């Protein structure tokens, strides 16, 4: 039995995850994320969240990226 995909917003700080696919997200924003290397299959680490939970900072491919929580709820990931 497989577990359903999680959202990026559900991954705890310090954990690693792999991008599965993007949900209902603005095409331009999805393309921007993909152009920065956040493509399906990419493994990333959740570094930290701002005090109120937004934005979320992740690290991947040698750099850090901050994502809005609203968009992070549309990213489907699996824990690694």
PDB file of N, CA and C in Angstrom:
ATOM      1  N   UNK A   1       0.842  -1.182   0.000  1.00  0.00           N
ATOM      2  CA  UNK A   1       0.000   0.000   0.000  1.00  0.00           C
ATOM      3  C   UNK A   1       0.886   1.243   0.000  1.00  0.00           C
ATOM      4  N   UNK A   2       0.619   2.146  -0.910  1.00  0.00           N
ATOM      5  CA  UNK A   2       1.405   3.372  -0.979  1.00  0.00           C
ATOM      6  C   UNK A   2       0.677   4.488  -0.253  1.00  0.00           C
ATOM      7  N   UNK A   3       1.465   5.415   0.249  1.00  0.00           N
ATOM      8  CA  UNK A   3       0.871   6.552   0.944  1.00  0.00           C
ATOM      9  C   UNK A   3       0.575   7.652  -0.074  1.00  0.00           C
ATOM     10  N   UNK A   4      -0.471   8.424   0.155  1.00  0.00           N
ATOM     11  CA  UNK A   4      -0.782   9.506  -0.792  1.00  0.00           C
ATOM     12  C   UNK A   4       0.292  10.590  -0.714  1.00  0.00           C
ATOM     13  N   UNK A   5       0.479  11.348  -1.794  1.00  0.00           N
ATOM     14  CA  UNK A   5       1.480  12.417  -1.780  1.00  0.00           C
ATOM     15  C   UNK A   5       1.169  13.458  -0.701  1.00  0.00           C
ATOM     16  N   UNK A   6       2.231  14.014  -0.160  1.00  0.00           N
ATOM     17  CA  UNK A   6       2.114  15.100   0.809  1.00  0.00           C
ATOM     18  C   UNK A   6       2.250  16.420   0.070  1.00  0.00           C
ATOM     19  N   UNK A   7       1.983  17.501   0.760  1.00  0.00           N
ATOM     20  CA  UNK A   7       2.286  18.822   0.196  1.00  0.00           C
ATOM     21  C   UNK A   7       3.575  19.307   0.837  1.00  0.00           C
ATOM     22  N   UNK A   8       4.248  20.217   0.188  1.00  0.00           N
ATOM     23  CA  UNK A   8       5.461  20.793   0.758  1.00  0.00           C
ATOM     24  C   UNK A   8       5.164  21.416   2.116  1.00  0.00           C
ATOM     25  N   UNK A   9       4.014  22.027   2.268  1.00  0.00           N
ATOM     26  CA  UNK A   9       3.645  22.673   3.529  1.00  0.00           C
ATOM     27  C   UNK A   9       3.586  21.667   4.683  1.00  0.00           C
ATOM     28  N   UNK A  10       3.385  20.386   4.383  1.00  0.00           N
ATOM     29  CA  UNK A  10       3.275  19.365   5.425  1.00  0.00           C
ATOM     30  C   UNK A  10       4.622  18.796   5.856  1.00  0.00           C
ATOM     31  N   UNK A  11       5.686  19.091   5.159  1.00  0.00           N
ATOM     32  CA  UNK A  11       7.013  18.562   5.487  1.00  0.00           C
ATOM     33  C   UNK A  11       7.609  19.403   6.614  1.00  0.00           C
ATOM     34  N   UNK A  12       8.131  18.739   7.618  1.00  0.00           N
ATOM     35  CA  UNK A  12       8.681  19.447   8.778  1.00  0.00           C
ATOM     36  C   UNK A  12      10.073  20.009   8.484  1.00  0.00           C
ATOM     37  N   UNK A  13      10.469  20.992   9.254  1.00  0.00           N
ATOM     38  CA  UNK A  13      11.794  21.598   9.110  1.00  0.00           C
ATOM     39  C   UNK A  13      12.876  20.546   9.316  1.00  0.00           C
ATOM     40  N   UNK A  14      13.914  20.598   8.484  1.00  0.00           N
ATOM     41  CA  UNK A  14      15.026  19.667   8.581  1.00  0.00           C
ATOM     42  C   UNK A  14      14.828  18.381   7.796  1.00  0.00           C
ATOM     43  N   UNK A  15      13.642  18.141   7.283  1.00  0.00           N
ATOM     44  CA  UNK A  15      13.352  16.903   6.538  1.00  0.00           C
ATOM     45  C   UNK A  15      13.626  17.102   5.048  1.00  0.00           C
ATOM     46  N   UNK A  16      13.894  15.993   4.377  1.00  0.00           N
ATOM     47  CA  UNK A  16      14.090  16.013   2.933  1.00  0.00           C
ATOM     48  C   UNK A  16      12.884  15.416   2.247  1.00  0.00           C
ATOM     49  N   UNK A  17      12.641  15.889   1.031  1.00  0.00           N
ATOM     50  CA  UNK A  17      11.507  15.402   0.246  1.00  0.00           C
ATOM     51  C   UNK A  17      11.872  15.457  -1.232  1.00  0.00           C
ATOM     52  N   UNK A  18      11.075  14.763  -2.034  1.00  0.00           N
ATOM     53  CA  UNK A  18      11.258  14.736  -3.480  1.00  0.00           C
ATOM     54  C   UNK A  18       9.991  15.298  -4.143  1.00  0.00           C
ATOM     55  N   UNK A  19      10.185  16.155  -5.118  1.00  0.00           N
ATOM     56  CA  UNK A  19       9.057  16.733  -5.860  1.00  0.00           C
ATOM     57  C   UNK A  19       8.423  15.647  -6.722  1.00  0.00           C
ATOM     58  N   UNK A  20       7.107  15.487  -6.606  1.00  0.00           N
ATOM     59  CA  UNK A  20       6.373  14.551  -7.461  1.00  0.00           C
ATOM     60  C   UNK A  20       5.722  15.300  -8.620  1.00  0.00           C
ATOM     61  N   UNK A  21       4.920  16.304  -8.294  1.00  0.00           N
ATOM     62  CA  UNK A  21       4.270  17.120  -9.328  1.00  0.00           C
ATOM     63  C   UNK A  21       3.675  18.360  -8.686  1.00  0.00           C
ATOM     64  N   UNK A  22       3.185  19.244  -9.534  1.00  0.00           N
ATOM     65  CA  UNK A  22       2.577  20.489  -9.084  1.00  0.00           C
ATOM     66  C   UNK A  22       1.073  20.383  -9.247  1.00  0.00           C
ATOM     67  N   UNK A  23       0.335  20.868  -8.281  1.00  0.00           N
ATOM     68  CA  UNK A  23      -1.131  20.861  -8.339  1.00  0.00           C
ATOM     69  C   UNK A  23      -1.649  22.066  -9.093  1.00  0.00           C
ATOM     70  N   UNK A  24      -2.760  22.603  -8.635  1.00  0.00           N
ATOM     71  CA  UNK A  24      -3.405  23.759  -9.271  1.00  0.00           C
ATOM     72  C   UNK A  24      -2.621  25.022  -8.953  1.00  0.00           C
ATOM     73  N   UNK A  25      -1.640  25.288  -9.758  1.00  0.00           N
ATOM     74  CA  UNK A  25      -0.750  26.428  -9.539  1.00  0.00           C
ATOM     75  C   UNK A  25      -0.702  27.258 -10.814  1.00  0.00           C
ATOM     76  N   UNK A  26      -0.538  28.546 -10.672  1.00  0.00           N
ATOM     77  CA  UNK A  26      -0.377  29.450 -11.809  1.00  0.00           C
ATOM     78  C   UNK A  26       0.742  28.928 -12.718  1.00  0.00           C
ATOM     79  N   UNK A  27       0.479  28.838 -14.014  1.00  0.00           N
ATOM     80  CA  UNK A  27       1.467  28.308 -14.956  1.00  0.00           C
ATOM     81  C   UNK A  27       2.773  29.085 -14.944  1.00  0.00           C
ATOM     82  N   UNK A  28       2.693  30.391 -14.877  1.00  0.00           N
ATOM     83  CA  UNK A  28       3.903  31.213 -14.875  1.00  0.00           C
ATOM     84  C   UNK A  28       4.751  30.936 -13.631  1.00  0.00           C
ATOM     85  N   UNK A  29       4.092  30.784 -12.482  1.00  0.00           N
ATOM     86  CA  UNK A  29       4.834  30.509 -11.242  1.00  0.00           C
ATOM     87  C   UNK A  29       5.453  29.111 -11.300  1.00  0.00           C
ATOM     88  N   UNK A  30       4.703  28.120 -11.785  1.00  0.00           N
ATOM     89  CA  UNK A  30       5.228  26.759 -11.920  1.00  0.00           C
ATOM     90  C   UNK A  30       6.445  26.758 -12.846  1.00  0.00           C
ATOM     91  N   UNK A  31       6.359  27.452 -13.973  1.00  0.00           N
ATOM     92  CA  UNK A  31       7.481  27.523 -14.904  1.00  0.00           C
ATOM     93  C   UNK A  31       8.688  28.195 -14.264  1.00  0.00           C
ATOM     94  N   UNK A  32       8.435  29.209 -13.451  1.00  0.00           N
ATOM     95  CA  UNK A  32       9.531  29.886 -12.763  1.00  0.00           C
ATOM     96  C   UNK A  32      10.238  28.940 -11.793  1.00  0.00           C
ATOM     97  N   UNK A  33       9.453  28.178 -11.007  1.00  0.00           N
ATOM     98  CA  UNK A  33      10.047  27.207 -10.089  1.00  0.00           C
ATOM     99  C   UNK A  33      10.852  26.158 -10.845  1.00  0.00           C
ATOM    100  N   UNK A  34      10.304  25.685 -11.944  1.00  0.00           N
ATOM    101  CA  UNK A  34      11.005  24.669 -12.721  1.00  0.00           C
ATOM    102  C   UNK A  34      12.284  25.225 -13.343  1.00  0.00           C
ATOM    103  N   UNK A  35      12.276  26.471 -13.754  1.00  0.00           N
ATOM    104  CA  UNK A  35      13.482  27.074 -14.333  1.00  0.00           C
ATOM    105  C   UNK A  35      14.573  27.262 -13.285  1.00  0.00           C
ATOM    106  N   UNK A  36      14.178  27.297 -12.007  1.00  0.00           N
ATOM    107  CA  UNK A  36      15.161  27.401 -10.924  1.00  0.00           C
ATOM    108  C   UNK A  36      15.602  26.024 -10.430  1.00  0.00           C
ATOM    109  N   UNK A  37      15.146  24.957 -11.092  1.00  0.00           N
ATOM    110  CA  UNK A  37      15.612  23.626 -10.754  1.00  0.00           C
ATOM    111  C   UNK A  37      14.676  22.796  -9.906  1.00  0.00           C
ATOM    112  N   UNK A  38      13.534  23.311  -9.560  1.00  0.00           N
ATOM    113  CA  UNK A  38      12.574  22.579  -8.738  1.00  0.00           C
ATOM    114  C   UNK A  38      11.658  21.779  -9.671  1.00  0.00           C
ATOM    115  N   UNK A  39      12.217  20.723 -10.246  1.00  0.00           N
ATOM    116  CA  UNK A  39      11.515  19.903 -11.218  1.00  0.00           C
ATOM    117  C   UNK A  39      11.107  18.568 -10.583  1.00  0.00           C
ATOM    118  N   UNK A  40      10.140  17.876 -11.157  1.00  0.00           N
ATOM    119  CA  UNK A  40       9.769  16.565 -10.617  1.00  0.00           C
ATOM    120  C   UNK A  40      10.994  15.654 -10.514  1.00  0.00           C
ATOM    121  N   UNK A  41      11.127  14.997  -9.366  1.00  0.00           N
ATOM    122  CA  UNK A  41      12.265  14.123  -9.092  1.00  0.00           C
ATOM    123  C   UNK A  41      13.366  14.782  -8.283  1.00  0.00           C
ATOM    124  N   UNK A  42      13.335  16.105  -8.168  1.00  0.00           N
ATOM    125  CA  UNK A  42      14.363  16.828  -7.423  1.00  0.00           C
ATOM    126  C   UNK A  42      14.176  16.631  -5.922  1.00  0.00           C
ATOM    127  N   UNK A  43      15.285  16.324  -5.236  1.00  0.00           N
ATOM    128  CA  UNK A  43      15.263  16.192  -3.780  1.00  0.00           C
ATOM    129  C   UNK A  43      15.682  17.529  -3.185  1.00  0.00           C
ATOM    130  N   UNK A  44      14.981  17.967  -2.152  1.00  0.00           N
ATOM    131  CA  UNK A  44      15.289  19.218  -1.479  1.00  0.00           C
ATOM    132  C   UNK A  44      15.146  19.020   0.025  1.00  0.00           C
ATOM    133  N   UNK A  45      15.643  19.982   0.779  1.00  0.00           N
ATOM    134  CA  UNK A  45      15.548  19.954   2.240  1.00  0.00           C
ATOM    135  C   UNK A  45      14.800  21.193   2.704  1.00  0.00           C
ATOM    136  N   UNK A  46      13.861  21.019   3.615  1.00  0.00           N
ATOM    137  CA  UNK A  46      13.171  22.159   4.215  1.00  0.00           C
ATOM    138  C   UNK A  46      14.094  22.697   5.300  1.00  0.00           C
ATOM    139  N   UNK A  47      14.596  23.887   5.110  1.00  0.00           N
ATOM    140  CA  UNK A  47      15.547  24.478   6.058  1.00  0.00           C
ATOM    141  C   UNK A  47      14.833  25.087   7.263  1.00  0.00           C
ATOM    142  N   UNK A  48      13.875  25.966   6.990  1.00  0.00           N
ATOM    143  CA  UNK A  48      13.162  26.637   8.089  1.00  0.00           C
ATOM    144  C   UNK A  48      11.964  27.393   7.537  1.00  0.00           C
ATOM    145  N   UNK A  49      11.163  27.865   8.485  1.00  0.00           N
ATOM    146  CA  UNK A  49       9.995  28.682   8.153  1.00  0.00           C
ATOM    147  C   UNK A  49      10.110  30.002   8.902  1.00  0.00           C
ATOM    148  N   UNK A  50       9.492  31.014   8.349  1.00  0.00           N
ATOM    149  CA  UNK A  50       9.426  32.297   9.039  1.00  0.00           C
ATOM    150  C   UNK A  50       8.588  32.109  10.309  1.00  0.00           C
ATOM    151  N   UNK A  51       8.723  33.007  11.278  1.00  0.00           N
ATOM    152  CA  UNK A  51       8.002  32.857  12.550  1.00  0.00           C
ATOM    153  C   UNK A  51       6.493  32.620  12.406  1.00  0.00           C
ATOM    154  N   UNK A  52       5.849  33.198  11.430  1.00  0.00           N
ATOM    155  CA  UNK A  52       4.416  32.988  11.245  1.00  0.00           C
ATOM    156  C   UNK A  52       4.131  31.852  10.244  1.00  0.00           C
ATOM    157  N   UNK A  53       5.188  31.145   9.821  1.00  0.00           N
ATOM    158  CA  UNK A  53       5.023  30.011   8.922  1.00  0.00           C
ATOM    159  C   UNK A  53       5.110  30.321   7.440  1.00  0.00           C
ATOM    160  N   UNK A  54       5.288  31.565   7.089  1.00  0.00           N
ATOM    161  CA  UNK A  54       5.315  31.957   5.682  1.00  0.00           C
ATOM    162  C   UNK A  54       6.357  33.041   5.482  1.00  0.00           C
ATOM    163  N   UNK A  55       7.354  32.879   4.649  1.00  0.00           N
ATOM    164  CA  UNK A  55       7.570  31.817   3.684  1.00  0.00           C
ATOM    165  C   UNK A  55       8.318  30.614   4.273  1.00  0.00           C
ATOM    166  N   UNK A  56       8.501  29.600   3.417  1.00  0.00           N
ATOM    167  CA  UNK A  56       9.240  28.391   3.757  1.00  0.00           C
ATOM    168  C   UNK A  56      10.539  28.422   2.958  1.00  0.00           C
ATOM    169  N   UNK A  57      11.669  28.200   3.626  1.00  0.00           N
ATOM    170  CA  UNK A  57      12.964  28.187   2.949  1.00  0.00           C
ATOM    171  C   UNK A  57      13.390  26.746   2.707  1.00  0.00           C
ATOM    172  N   UNK A  58      13.728  26.438   1.445  1.00  0.00           N
ATOM    173  CA  UNK A  58      14.219  25.109   1.107  1.00  0.00           C
ATOM    174  C   UNK A  58      15.596  25.238   0.475  1.00  0.00           C
ATOM    175  N   UNK A  59      16.372  24.156   0.507  1.00  0.00           N
ATOM    176  CA  UNK A  59      17.669  24.156  -0.177  1.00  0.00           C
ATOM    177  C   UNK A  59      17.670  23.024  -1.200  1.00  0.00           C
ATOM    178  N   UNK A  60      18.189  23.334  -2.364  1.00  0.00           N
ATOM    179  CA  UNK A  60      18.287  22.362  -3.444  1.00  0.00           C
ATOM    180  C   UNK A  60      19.366  22.790  -4.411  1.00  0.00           C
ATOM    181  N   UNK A  61      20.053  21.832  -4.994  1.00  0.00           N
ATOM    182  CA  UNK A  61      21.039  22.085  -6.048  1.00  0.00           C
ATOM    183  C   UNK A  61      22.035  23.189  -5.704  1.00  0.00           C
ATOM    184  N   UNK A  62      22.415  23.293  -4.423  1.00  0.00           N
ATOM    185  CA  UNK A  62      23.438  24.245  -4.013  1.00  0.00           C
ATOM    186  C   UNK A  62      22.960  25.651  -3.704  1.00  0.00           C
ATOM    187  N   UNK A  63      21.669  25.890  -3.660  1.00  0.00           N
ATOM    188  CA  UNK A  63      21.184  27.220  -3.289  1.00  0.00           C
ATOM    189  C   UNK A  63      19.923  27.093  -2.441  1.00  0.00           C
ATOM    190  N   UNK A  64      19.498  28.205  -1.869  1.00  0.00           N
ATOM    191  CA  UNK A  64      18.289  28.243  -1.040  1.00  0.00           C
ATOM    192  C   UNK A  64      17.223  29.058  -1.737  1.00  0.00           C
ATOM    193  N   UNK A  65      15.984  28.622  -1.531  1.00  0.00           N
ATOM    194  CA  UNK A  65      14.851  29.238  -2.193  1.00  0.00           C
ATOM    195  C   UNK A  65      13.735  29.407  -1.172  1.00  0.00           C
ATOM    196  N   UNK A  66      13.103  30.564  -1.144  1.00  0.00           N
ATOM    197  CA  UNK A  66      11.966  30.801  -0.246  1.00  0.00           C
ATOM    198  C   UNK A  66      10.686  30.765  -1.062  1.00  0.00           C
ATOM    199  N   UNK A  67       9.728  29.980  -0.565  1.00  0.00           N
ATOM    200  CA  UNK A  67       8.447  29.814  -1.249  1.00  0.00           C
ATOM    201  C   UNK A  67       7.318  30.266  -0.352  1.00  0.00           C
ATOM    202  N   UNK A  68       6.310  30.864  -0.944  1.00  0.00           N
ATOM    203  CA  UNK A  68       5.126  31.250  -0.179  1.00  0.00           C
ATOM    204  C   UNK A  68       4.367  29.995   0.243  1.00  0.00           C
ATOM    205  N   UNK A  69       3.759  30.047   1.405  1.00  0.00           N
ATOM    206  CA  UNK A  69       3.039  28.887   1.914  1.00  0.00           C
ATOM    207  C   UNK A  69       1.885  28.496   0.994  1.00  0.00           C
ATOM    208  N   UNK A  70       1.226  29.485   0.425  1.00  0.00           N
ATOM    209  CA  UNK A  70       0.085  29.215  -0.463  1.00  0.00           C
ATOM    210  C   UNK A  70       0.528  28.350  -1.652  1.00  0.00           C
ATOM    211  N   UNK A  71       1.676  28.641  -2.236  1.00  0.00           N
ATOM    212  CA  UNK A  71       2.173  27.827  -3.345  1.00  0.00           C
ATOM    213  C   UNK A  71       2.692  26.484  -2.847  1.00  0.00           C
ATOM    214  N   UNK A  72       3.249  26.451  -1.647  1.00  0.00           N
ATOM    215  CA  UNK A  72       3.792  25.193  -1.132  1.00  0.00           C
ATOM    216  C   UNK A  72       2.690  24.167  -0.888  1.00  0.00           C
ATOM    217  N   UNK A  73       1.464  24.621  -0.707  1.00  0.00           N
ATOM    218  CA  UNK A  73       0.341  23.689  -0.542  1.00  0.00           C
ATOM    219  C   UNK A  73      -0.047  23.015  -1.846  1.00  0.00           C
ATOM    220  N   UNK A  74       0.420  23.554  -2.970  1.00  0.00           N
ATOM    221  CA  UNK A  74       0.093  22.979  -4.276  1.00  0.00           C
ATOM    222  C   UNK A  74       1.178  22.067  -4.824  1.00  0.00           C
ATOM    223  N   UNK A  75       2.320  21.978  -4.134  1.00  0.00           N
ATOM    224  CA  UNK A  75       3.384  21.089  -4.554  1.00  0.00           C
ATOM    225  C   UNK A  75       3.202  19.725  -3.906  1.00  0.00           C
ATOM    226  N   UNK A  76       3.153  18.675  -4.714  1.00  0.00           N
ATOM    227  CA  UNK A  76       3.014  17.317  -4.181  1.00  0.00           C
ATOM    228  C   UNK A  76       4.408  16.708  -4.072  1.00  0.00           C
ATOM    229  N   UNK A  77       4.719  16.197  -2.894  1.00  0.00           N
ATOM    230  CA  UNK A  77       6.052  15.676  -2.608  1.00  0.00           C
ATOM    231  C   UNK A  77       5.928  14.341  -1.872  1.00  0.00           C
ATOM    232  N   UNK A  78       7.072  13.645  -1.780  1.00  0.00           N
ATOM    233  CA  UNK A  78       7.158  12.458  -0.941  1.00  0.00           C
ATOM    234  C   UNK A  78       8.363  12.613  -0.043  1.00  0.00           C
ATOM    235  N   UNK A  79       8.250  12.175   1.181  1.00  0.00           N
ATOM    236  CA  UNK A  79       9.371  12.237   2.125  1.00  0.00           C
ATOM    237  C   UNK A  79      10.466  11.288   1.667  1.00  0.00           C
ATOM    238  N   UNK A  80      11.714  11.692   1.875  1.00  0.00           N
ATOM    239  CA  UNK A  80      12.860  10.868   1.499  1.00  0.00           C
ATOM    240  C   UNK A  80      13.527  10.346   2.749  1.00  0.00           C
TER     241      UNK A  80
END
